[in-house]
Amino acid sequence: MSTSFAGPHGPTGPLLDDDETRVARARRQLTQLGTALVRDPLDRRVHQALRTYMDHDSEAALLSWEAMLQRTPEELRERIRAVITAHAERKAS
């Protein structure tokens, strides 16, 4: 599990750790690619973008997802508390 932080930045620093950021980014990107495939299943640019993602980014995203799945319930509760607290602090500032 990654303990450093990356992701959206604000006055108090980033909200998400590296694994969380990587998984969130992967979910957004894959949802966009899936939507593009539904809209135009024969668009070569979409096929190339999906191939590029699978060749270069998918393994890291899967490893991050697996790391997140290994978190204990207490680790998950602590991450939720930390993100909610950081979000509330940002809104207050």
PDB file of N, CA and C in Angstrom:
ATOM      1  N   MET A   1       0.843  -1.174   0.000  1.00  0.00           N
ATOM      2  CA  MET A   1       0.000   0.000   0.000  1.00  0.00           C
ATOM      3  C   MET A   1       0.885   1.233   0.000  1.00  0.00           C
ATOM      4  N   SER A   2       0.488   2.197  -0.756  1.00  0.00           N
ATOM      5  CA  SER A   2       1.248   3.434  -0.850  1.00  0.00           C
ATOM      6  C   SER A   2       0.857   4.366   0.284  1.00  0.00           C
ATOM      7  N   THR A   3       1.854   5.019   0.864  1.00  0.00           N
ATOM      8  CA  THR A   3       1.547   5.940   1.952  1.00  0.00           C
ATOM      9  C   THR A   3       1.799   7.387   1.582  1.00  0.00           C
ATOM     10  N   SER A   4       2.473   7.641   0.488  1.00  0.00           N
ATOM     11  CA  SER A   4       2.666   9.030   0.082  1.00  0.00           C
ATOM     12  C   SER A   4       1.370   9.541  -0.522  1.00  0.00           C
ATOM     13  N   PHE A   5       1.253  10.856  -0.617  1.00  0.00           N
ATOM     14  CA  PHE A   5       0.022  11.435  -1.108  1.00  0.00           C
ATOM     15  C   PHE A   5       0.227  12.065  -2.465  1.00  0.00           C
ATOM     16  N   ALA A   6      -0.766  11.924  -3.301  1.00  0.00           N
ATOM     17  CA  ALA A   6      -0.803  12.558  -4.616  1.00  0.00           C
ATOM     18  C   ALA A   6      -2.258  12.791  -4.946  1.00  0.00           C
ATOM     19  N   GLY A   7      -2.515  13.640  -5.878  1.00  0.00           N
ATOM     20  CA  GLY A   7      -3.894  13.868  -6.261  1.00  0.00           C
ATOM     21  C   GLY A   7      -4.243  15.329  -6.178  1.00  0.00           C
ATOM     22  N   PRO A   8      -5.539  15.614  -6.113  1.00  0.00           N
ATOM     23  CA  PRO A   8      -5.971  17.007  -6.099  1.00  0.00           C
ATOM     24  C   PRO A   8      -5.331  17.764  -4.938  1.00  0.00           C
ATOM     25  N   HIS A   9      -4.794  18.926  -5.223  1.00  0.00           N
ATOM     26  CA  HIS A   9      -4.107  19.710  -4.201  1.00  0.00           C
ATOM     27  C   HIS A   9      -4.957  20.889  -3.785  1.00  0.00           C
ATOM     28  N   GLY A  10      -4.750  21.317  -2.586  1.00  0.00           N
ATOM     29  CA  GLY A  10      -5.451  22.473  -2.050  1.00  0.00           C
ATOM     30  C   GLY A  10      -4.602  23.083  -0.967  1.00  0.00           C
ATOM     31  N   PRO A  11      -5.171  23.945  -0.151  1.00  0.00           N
ATOM     32  CA  PRO A  11      -4.408  24.640   0.880  1.00  0.00           C
ATOM     33  C   PRO A  11      -3.743  23.710   1.888  1.00  0.00           C
ATOM     34  N   THR A  12      -4.314  22.531   2.124  1.00  0.00           N
ATOM     35  CA  THR A  12      -3.742  21.621   3.115  1.00  0.00           C
ATOM     36  C   THR A  12      -3.058  20.418   2.481  1.00  0.00           C
ATOM     37  N   GLY A  13      -2.846  20.415   1.180  1.00  0.00           N
ATOM     38  CA  GLY A  13      -2.188  19.304   0.516  1.00  0.00           C
ATOM     39  C   GLY A  13      -3.177  18.401  -0.200  1.00  0.00           C
ATOM     40  N   PRO A  14      -2.696  17.282  -0.722  1.00  0.00           N
ATOM     41  CA  PRO A  14      -3.527  16.373  -1.513  1.00  0.00           C
ATOM     42  C   PRO A  14      -4.477  15.553  -0.633  1.00  0.00           C
ATOM     43  N   LEU A  15      -5.561  15.118  -1.223  1.00  0.00           N
ATOM     44  CA  LEU A  15      -6.536  14.292  -0.511  1.00  0.00           C
ATOM     45  C   LEU A  15      -6.244  12.803  -0.620  1.00  0.00           C
ATOM     46  N   LEU A  16      -5.858  12.345  -1.788  1.00  0.00           N
ATOM     47  CA  LEU A  16      -5.755  10.915  -2.056  1.00  0.00           C
ATOM     48  C   LEU A  16      -4.310  10.441  -2.076  1.00  0.00           C
ATOM     49  N   ASP A  17      -4.088   9.187  -1.651  1.00  0.00           N
ATOM     50  CA  ASP A  17      -2.748   8.633  -1.759  1.00  0.00           C
ATOM     51  C   ASP A  17      -2.521   8.140  -3.190  1.00  0.00           C
ATOM     52  N   ASP A  18      -1.332   7.671  -3.478  1.00  0.00           N
ATOM     53  CA  ASP A  18      -0.968   7.280  -4.842  1.00  0.00           C
ATOM     54  C   ASP A  18      -1.899   6.216  -5.412  1.00  0.00           C
ATOM     55  N   ASP A  19      -2.196   5.178  -4.627  1.00  0.00           N
ATOM     56  CA  ASP A  19      -3.072   4.114  -5.117  1.00  0.00           C
ATOM     57  C   ASP A  19      -4.467   4.639  -5.401  1.00  0.00           C
ATOM     58  N   GLU A  20      -4.999   5.437  -4.499  1.00  0.00           N
ATOM     59  CA  GLU A  20      -6.337   5.991  -4.686  1.00  0.00           C
ATOM     60  C   GLU A  20      -6.398   6.889  -5.918  1.00  0.00           C
ATOM     61  N   THR A  21      -5.380   7.694  -6.096  1.00  0.00           N
ATOM     62  CA  THR A  21      -5.322   8.584  -7.258  1.00  0.00           C
ATOM     63  C   THR A  21      -5.255   7.781  -8.547  1.00  0.00           C
ATOM     64  N   ARG A  22      -4.391   6.771  -8.571  1.00  0.00           N
ATOM     65  CA  ARG A  22      -4.222   5.942  -9.766  1.00  0.00           C
ATOM     66  C   ARG A  22      -5.520   5.221 -10.123  1.00  0.00           C
ATOM     67  N   VAL A  23      -6.211   4.667  -9.133  1.00  0.00           N
ATOM     68  CA  VAL A  23      -7.466   3.954  -9.383  1.00  0.00           C
ATOM     69  C   VAL A  23      -8.552   4.917  -9.854  1.00  0.00           C
ATOM     70  N   ALA A  24      -8.650   6.068  -9.221  1.00  0.00           N
ATOM     71  CA  ALA A  24      -9.660   7.053  -9.640  1.00  0.00           C
ATOM     72  C   ALA A  24      -9.409   7.502 -11.077  1.00  0.00           C
ATOM     73  N   ARG A  25      -8.156   7.763 -11.399  1.00  0.00           N
ATOM     74  CA  ARG A  25      -7.803   8.188 -12.758  1.00  0.00           C
ATOM     75  C   ARG A  25      -8.122   7.081 -13.769  1.00  0.00           C
ATOM     76  N   ALA A  26      -7.804   5.842 -13.415  1.00  0.00           N
ATOM     77  CA  ALA A  26      -8.073   4.707 -14.308  1.00  0.00           C
ATOM     78  C   ALA A  26      -9.573   4.545 -14.537  1.00  0.00           C
ATOM     79  N   ARG A  27     -10.356   4.653 -13.477  1.00  0.00           N
ATOM     80  CA  ARG A  27     -11.810   4.507 -13.618  1.00  0.00           C
ATOM     81  C   ARG A  27     -12.379   5.587 -14.552  1.00  0.00           C
ATOM     82  N   ARG A  28     -11.911   6.831 -14.379  1.00  0.00           N
ATOM     83  CA  ARG A  28     -12.389   7.914 -15.264  1.00  0.00           C
ATOM     84  C   ARG A  28     -11.980   7.640 -16.710  1.00  0.00           C
ATOM     85  N   GLN A  29     -10.713   7.305 -16.906  1.00  0.00           N
ATOM     86  CA  GLN A  29     -10.214   7.102 -18.266  1.00  0.00           C
ATOM     87  C   GLN A  29     -10.907   5.918 -18.945  1.00  0.00           C
ATOM     88  N   LEU A  30     -11.065   4.819 -18.219  1.00  0.00           N
ATOM     89  CA  LEU A  30     -11.708   3.646 -18.811  1.00  0.00           C
ATOM     90  C   LEU A  30     -13.193   3.883 -19.060  1.00  0.00           C
ATOM     91  N   THR A  31     -13.840   4.649 -18.218  1.00  0.00           N
ATOM     92  CA  THR A  31     -15.246   4.991 -18.451  1.00  0.00           C
ATOM     93  C   THR A  31     -15.368   5.835 -19.716  1.00  0.00           C
ATOM     94  N   GLN A  32     -14.460   6.790 -19.888  1.00  0.00           N
ATOM     95  CA  GLN A  32     -14.473   7.612 -21.107  1.00  0.00           C
ATOM     96  C   GLN A  32     -14.217   6.756 -22.346  1.00  0.00           C
ATOM     97  N   LEU A  33     -13.259   5.845 -22.256  1.00  0.00           N
ATOM     98  CA  LEU A  33     -12.967   4.977 -23.398  1.00  0.00           C
ATOM     99  C   LEU A  33     -14.134   4.037 -23.688  1.00  0.00           C
ATOM    100  N   GLY A  34     -14.746   3.498 -22.647  1.00  0.00           N
ATOM    101  CA  GLY A  34     -15.907   2.625 -22.843  1.00  0.00           C
ATOM    102  C   GLY A  34     -17.061   3.364 -23.498  1.00  0.00           C
ATOM    103  N   THR A  35     -17.287   4.581 -23.049  1.00  0.00           N
ATOM    104  CA  THR A  35     -18.347   5.403 -23.641  1.00  0.00           C
ATOM    105  C   THR A  35     -18.039   5.684 -25.106  1.00  0.00           C
ATOM    106  N   ALA A  36     -16.795   5.999 -25.403  1.00  0.00           N
ATOM    107  CA  ALA A  36     -16.394   6.271 -26.797  1.00  0.00           C
ATOM    108  C   ALA A  36     -16.576   5.026 -27.658  1.00  0.00           C
ATOM    109  N   LEU A  37     -16.290   3.856 -27.110  1.00  0.00           N
ATOM    110  CA  LEU A  37     -16.485   2.612 -27.868  1.00  0.00           C
ATOM    111  C   LEU A  37     -17.960   2.354 -28.158  1.00  0.00           C
ATOM    112  N   VAL A  38     -18.809   2.676 -27.208  1.00  0.00           N
ATOM    113  CA  VAL A  38     -20.249   2.495 -27.421  1.00  0.00           C
ATOM    114  C   VAL A  38     -20.741   3.456 -28.500  1.00  0.00           C
ATOM    115  N   ARG A  39     -20.278   4.708 -28.428  1.00  0.00           N
ATOM    116  CA  ARG A  39     -20.706   5.708 -29.408  1.00  0.00           C
ATOM    117  C   ARG A  39     -20.252   5.375 -30.822  1.00  0.00           C
ATOM    118  N   ASP A  40     -19.003   4.947 -30.937  1.00  0.00           N
ATOM    119  CA  ASP A  40     -18.454   4.657 -32.266  1.00  0.00           C
ATOM    120  C   ASP A  40     -17.498   3.475 -32.157  1.00  0.00           C
ATOM    121  N   PRO A  41     -18.031   2.260 -32.185  1.00  0.00           N
ATOM    122  CA  PRO A  41     -17.213   1.066 -31.931  1.00  0.00           C
ATOM    123  C   PRO A  41     -16.105   0.812 -32.957  1.00  0.00           C
ATOM    124  N   LEU A  42     -16.136   1.502 -34.080  1.00  0.00           N
ATOM    125  CA  LEU A  42     -15.116   1.276 -35.100  1.00  0.00           C
ATOM    126  C   LEU A  42     -14.161   2.448 -35.271  1.00  0.00           C
ATOM    127  N   ASP A  43     -14.154   3.359 -34.316  1.00  0.00           N
ATOM    128  CA  ASP A  43     -13.254   4.515 -34.366  1.00  0.00           C
ATOM    129  C   ASP A  43     -11.832   4.056 -34.037  1.00  0.00           C
ATOM    130  N   ARG A  44     -10.946   4.165 -35.007  1.00  0.00           N
ATOM    131  CA  ARG A  44      -9.562   3.717 -34.823  1.00  0.00           C
ATOM    132  C   ARG A  44      -8.837   4.468 -33.706  1.00  0.00           C
ATOM    133  N   ARG A  45      -9.161   5.748 -33.524  1.00  0.00           N
ATOM    134  CA  ARG A  45      -8.514   6.530 -32.460  1.00  0.00           C
ATOM    135  C   ARG A  45      -8.869   5.978 -31.084  1.00  0.00           C
ATOM    136  N   VAL A  46     -10.105   5.568 -30.914  1.00  0.00           N
ATOM    137  CA  VAL A  46     -10.532   4.994 -29.641  1.00  0.00           C
ATOM    138  C   VAL A  46      -9.825   3.661 -29.418  1.00  0.00           C
ATOM    139  N   HIS A  47      -9.760   2.857 -30.451  1.00  0.00           N
ATOM    140  CA  HIS A  47      -9.056   1.569 -30.336  1.00  0.00           C
ATOM    141  C   HIS A  47      -7.593   1.793 -29.965  1.00  0.00           C
ATOM    142  N   GLN A  48      -6.963   2.777 -30.598  1.00  0.00           N
ATOM    143  CA  GLN A  48      -5.555   3.055 -30.294  1.00  0.00           C
ATOM    144  C   GLN A  48      -5.392   3.568 -28.862  1.00  0.00           C
ATOM    145  N   ALA A  49      -6.290   4.428 -28.430  1.00  0.00           N
ATOM    146  CA  ALA A  49      -6.217   4.942 -27.056  1.00  0.00           C
ATOM    147  C   ALA A  49      -6.386   3.804 -26.049  1.00  0.00           C
ATOM    148  N   LEU A  50      -7.288   2.874 -26.327  1.00  0.00           N
ATOM    149  CA  LEU A  50      -7.485   1.737 -25.435  1.00  0.00           C
ATOM    150  C   LEU A  50      -6.255   0.832 -25.423  1.00  0.00           C
ATOM    151  N   ARG A  51      -5.689   0.583 -26.596  1.00  0.00           N
ATOM    152  CA  ARG A  51      -4.451  -0.221 -26.668  1.00  0.00           C
ATOM    153  C   ARG A  51      -3.320   0.444 -25.880  1.00  0.00           C
ATOM    154  N   THR A  52      -3.184   1.745 -26.063  1.00  0.00           N
ATOM    155  CA  THR A  52      -2.134   2.486 -25.354  1.00  0.00           C
ATOM    156  C   THR A  52      -2.339   2.381 -23.849  1.00  0.00           C
ATOM    157  N   TYR A  53      -3.576   2.558 -23.406  1.00  0.00           N
ATOM    158  CA  TYR A  53      -3.856   2.441 -21.979  1.00  0.00           C
ATOM    159  C   TYR A  53      -3.511   1.034 -21.475  1.00  0.00           C
ATOM    160  N   MET A  54      -3.954   0.042 -22.179  1.00  0.00           N
ATOM    161  CA  MET A  54      -3.704  -1.342 -21.751  1.00  0.00           C
ATOM    162  C   MET A  54      -2.209  -1.655 -21.727  1.00  0.00           C
ATOM    163  N   ASP A  55      -1.464  -1.151 -22.701  1.00  0.00           N
ATOM    164  CA  ASP A  55      -0.019  -1.429 -22.774  1.00  0.00           C
ATOM    165  C   ASP A  55       0.794  -0.666 -21.735  1.00  0.00           C
ATOM    166  N   HIS A  56       0.338   0.540 -21.357  1.00  0.00           N
ATOM    167  CA  HIS A  56       1.187   1.403 -20.539  1.00  0.00           C
ATOM    168  C   HIS A  56       0.668   1.695 -19.128  1.00  0.00           C
ATOM    169  N   ASP A  57      -0.632   1.666 -18.919  1.00  0.00           N
ATOM    170  CA  ASP A  57      -1.174   2.118 -17.636  1.00  0.00           C
ATOM    171  C   ASP A  57      -1.976   1.083 -16.872  1.00  0.00           C
ATOM    172  N   SER A  58      -2.467   0.072 -17.544  1.00  0.00           N
ATOM    173  CA  SER A  58      -3.406  -0.836 -16.880  1.00  0.00           C
ATOM    174  C   SER A  58      -2.767  -1.632 -15.743  1.00  0.00           C
ATOM    175  N   GLU A  59      -1.544  -2.064 -15.899  1.00  0.00           N
ATOM    176  CA  GLU A  59      -0.916  -2.897 -14.860  1.00  0.00           C
ATOM    177  C   GLU A  59      -0.750  -2.117 -13.552  1.00  0.00           C
ATOM    178  N   ALA A  60      -0.307  -0.883 -13.637  1.00  0.00           N
ATOM    179  CA  ALA A  60      -0.154  -0.067 -12.429  1.00  0.00           C
ATOM    180  C   ALA A  60      -1.506   0.161 -11.756  1.00  0.00           C
ATOM    181  N   ALA A  61      -2.537   0.409 -12.551  1.00  0.00           N
ATOM    182  CA  ALA A  61      -3.876   0.614 -11.986  1.00  0.00           C
ATOM    183  C   ALA A  61      -4.380  -0.655 -11.312  1.00  0.00           C
ATOM    184  N   LEU A  62      -4.151  -1.805 -11.940  1.00  0.00           N
ATOM    185  CA  LEU A  62      -4.580  -3.072 -11.339  1.00  0.00           C
ATOM    186  C   LEU A  62      -3.825  -3.360 -10.047  1.00  0.00           C
ATOM    187  N   LEU A  63      -2.547  -3.070 -10.017  1.00  0.00           N
ATOM    188  CA  LEU A  63      -1.772  -3.265  -8.785  1.00  0.00           C
ATOM    189  C   LEU A  63      -2.266  -2.348  -7.677  1.00  0.00           C
ATOM    190  N   SER A  64      -2.583  -1.118  -8.014  1.00  0.00           N
ATOM    191  CA  SER A  64      -3.119  -0.191  -7.015  1.00  0.00           C
ATOM    192  C   SER A  64      -4.480  -0.670  -6.511  1.00  0.00           C
ATOM    193  N   TRP A  65      -5.318  -1.155  -7.419  1.00  0.00           N
ATOM    194  CA  TRP A  65      -6.626  -1.669  -7.024  1.00  0.00           C
ATOM    195  C   TRP A  65      -6.460  -2.865  -6.078  1.00  0.00           C
ATOM    196  N   GLU A  66      -5.547  -3.769  -6.413  1.00  0.00           N
ATOM    197  CA  GLU A  66      -5.291  -4.927  -5.558  1.00  0.00           C
ATOM    198  C   GLU A  66      -4.768  -4.496  -4.189  1.00  0.00           C
ATOM    199  N   ALA A  67      -3.911  -3.479  -4.160  1.00  0.00           N
ATOM    200  CA  ALA A  67      -3.398  -2.963  -2.886  1.00  0.00           C
ATOM    201  C   ALA A  67      -4.530  -2.384  -2.051  1.00  0.00           C
ATOM    202  N   MET A  68      -5.436  -1.674  -2.697  1.00  0.00           N
ATOM    203  CA  MET A  68      -6.561  -1.099  -1.972  1.00  0.00           C
ATOM    204  C   MET A  68      -7.487  -2.189  -1.432  1.00  0.00           C
ATOM    205  N   LEU A  69      -7.654  -3.253  -2.185  1.00  0.00           N
ATOM    206  CA  LEU A  69      -8.498  -4.359  -1.723  1.00  0.00           C
ATOM    207  C   LEU A  69      -7.900  -5.083  -0.517  1.00  0.00           C
ATOM    208  N   GLN A  70      -6.593  -4.962  -0.333  1.00  0.00           N
ATOM    209  CA  GLN A  70      -5.924  -5.612   0.792  1.00  0.00           C
ATOM    210  C   GLN A  70      -6.023  -4.811   2.084  1.00  0.00           C
ATOM    211  N   ARG A  71      -6.533  -3.596   2.014  1.00  0.00           N
ATOM    212  CA  ARG A  71      -6.642  -2.760   3.207  1.00  0.00           C
ATOM    213  C   ARG A  71      -7.648  -3.367   4.184  1.00  0.00           C
ATOM    214  N   THR A  72      -7.301  -3.274   5.444  1.00  0.00           N
ATOM    215  CA  THR A  72      -8.194  -3.780   6.486  1.00  0.00           C
ATOM    216  C   THR A  72      -9.353  -2.810   6.673  1.00  0.00           C
ATOM    217  N   PRO A  73     -10.434  -3.271   7.298  1.00  0.00           N
ATOM    218  CA  PRO A  73     -11.536  -2.344   7.569  1.00  0.00           C
ATOM    219  C   PRO A  73     -11.081  -1.114   8.359  1.00  0.00           C
ATOM    220  N   GLU A  74     -10.176  -1.293   9.321  1.00  0.00           N
ATOM    221  CA  GLU A  74      -9.691  -0.140  10.092  1.00  0.00           C
ATOM    222  C   GLU A  74      -8.893   0.820   9.195  1.00  0.00           C
ATOM    223  N   GLU A  75      -8.063   0.289   8.302  1.00  0.00           N
ATOM    224  CA  GLU A  75      -7.321   1.153   7.371  1.00  0.00           C
ATOM    225  C   GLU A  75      -8.296   1.929   6.481  1.00  0.00           C
ATOM    226  N   LEU A  76      -9.336   1.259   6.014  1.00  0.00           N
ATOM    227  CA  LEU A  76     -10.330   1.930   5.172  1.00  0.00           C
ATOM    228  C   LEU A  76     -11.060   3.027   5.949  1.00  0.00           C
ATOM    229  N   ARG A  77     -11.451   2.730   7.182  1.00  0.00           N
ATOM    230  CA  ARG A  77     -12.115   3.751   7.993  1.00  0.00           C
ATOM    231  C   ARG A  77     -11.193   4.948   8.221  1.00  0.00           C
ATOM    232  N   GLU A  78      -9.917   4.693   8.476  1.00  0.00           N
ATOM    233  CA  GLU A  78      -8.956   5.786   8.699  1.00  0.00           C
ATOM    234  C   GLU A  78      -8.789   6.633   7.434  1.00  0.00           C
ATOM    235  N   ARG A  79      -8.726   5.992   6.277  1.00  0.00           N
ATOM    236  CA  ARG A  79      -8.602   6.751   5.019  1.00  0.00           C
ATOM    237  C   ARG A  79      -9.843   7.599   4.796  1.00  0.00           C
ATOM    238  N   ILE A  80     -11.011   7.038   5.071  1.00  0.00           N
ATOM    239  CA  ILE A  80     -12.253   7.799   4.907  1.00  0.00           C
ATOM    240  C   ILE A  80     -12.244   9.007   5.842  1.00  0.00           C
ATOM    241  N   ARG A  81     -11.856   8.783   7.100  1.00  0.00           N
ATOM    242  CA  ARG A  81     -11.780   9.901   8.054  1.00  0.00           C
ATOM    243  C   ARG A  81     -10.810  10.965   7.568  1.00  0.00           C
ATOM    244  N   ALA A  82      -9.645  10.538   7.099  1.00  0.00           N
ATOM    245  CA  ALA A  82      -8.620  11.490   6.659  1.00  0.00           C
ATOM    246  C   ALA A  82      -9.102  12.309   5.464  1.00  0.00           C
ATOM    247  N   VAL A  83      -9.739  11.658   4.504  1.00  0.00           N
ATOM    248  CA  VAL A  83     -10.208  12.367   3.309  1.00  0.00           C
ATOM    249  C   VAL A  83     -11.346  13.317   3.674  1.00  0.00           C
ATOM    250  N   ILE A  84     -12.283  12.861   4.493  1.00  0.00           N
ATOM    251  CA  ILE A  84     -13.399  13.726   4.894  1.00  0.00           C
ATOM    252  C   ILE A  84     -12.891  14.928   5.686  1.00  0.00           C
ATOM    253  N   THR A  85     -11.956  14.692   6.600  1.00  0.00           N
ATOM    254  CA  THR A  85     -11.393  15.788   7.389  1.00  0.00           C
ATOM    255  C   THR A  85     -10.670  16.787   6.493  1.00  0.00           C
ATOM    256  N   ALA A  86      -9.842  16.296   5.588  1.00  0.00           N
ATOM    257  CA  ALA A  86      -9.112  17.187   4.688  1.00  0.00           C
ATOM    258  C   ALA A  86     -10.085  17.978   3.807  1.00  0.00           C
ATOM    259  N   HIS A  87     -11.127  17.314   3.330  1.00  0.00           N
ATOM    260  CA  HIS A  87     -12.115  17.992   2.500  1.00  0.00           C
ATOM    261  C   HIS A  87     -12.823  19.099   3.286  1.00  0.00           C
ATOM    262  N   ALA A  88     -13.205  18.783   4.533  1.00  0.00           N
ATOM    263  CA  ALA A  88     -13.876  19.776   5.377  1.00  0.00           C
ATOM    264  C   ALA A  88     -12.948  20.962   5.675  1.00  0.00           C
ATOM    265  N   GLU A  89     -11.676  20.686   5.923  1.00  0.00           N
ATOM    266  CA  GLU A  89     -10.710  21.763   6.182  1.00  0.00           C
ATOM    267  C   GLU A  89     -10.560  22.670   4.976  1.00  0.00           C
ATOM    268  N   ARG A  90     -10.555  22.088   3.795  1.00  0.00           N
ATOM    269  CA  ARG A  90     -10.430  22.888   2.580  1.00  0.00           C
ATOM    270  C   ARG A  90     -11.646  23.776   2.383  1.00  0.00           C
ATOM    271  N   LYS A  91     -12.829  23.213   2.635  1.00  0.00           N
ATOM    272  CA  LYS A  91     -14.057  23.995   2.482  1.00  0.00           C
ATOM    273  C   LYS A  91     -14.096  25.156   3.463  1.00  0.00           C
ATOM    274  N   ALA A  92     -13.535  24.928   4.661  1.00  0.00           N
ATOM    275  CA  ALA A  92     -13.556  25.948   5.705  1.00  0.00           C
ATOM    276  C   ALA A  92     -12.543  27.062   5.451  1.00  0.00           C
ATOM    277  N   SER A  93     -11.515  26.777   4.663  1.00  0.00           N
ATOM    278  CA  SER A  93     -10.466  27.793   4.464  1.00  0.00           C
ATOM    279  C   SER A  93     -10.737  28.683   3.268  1.00  0.00           C
TER     280      SER A  93
END
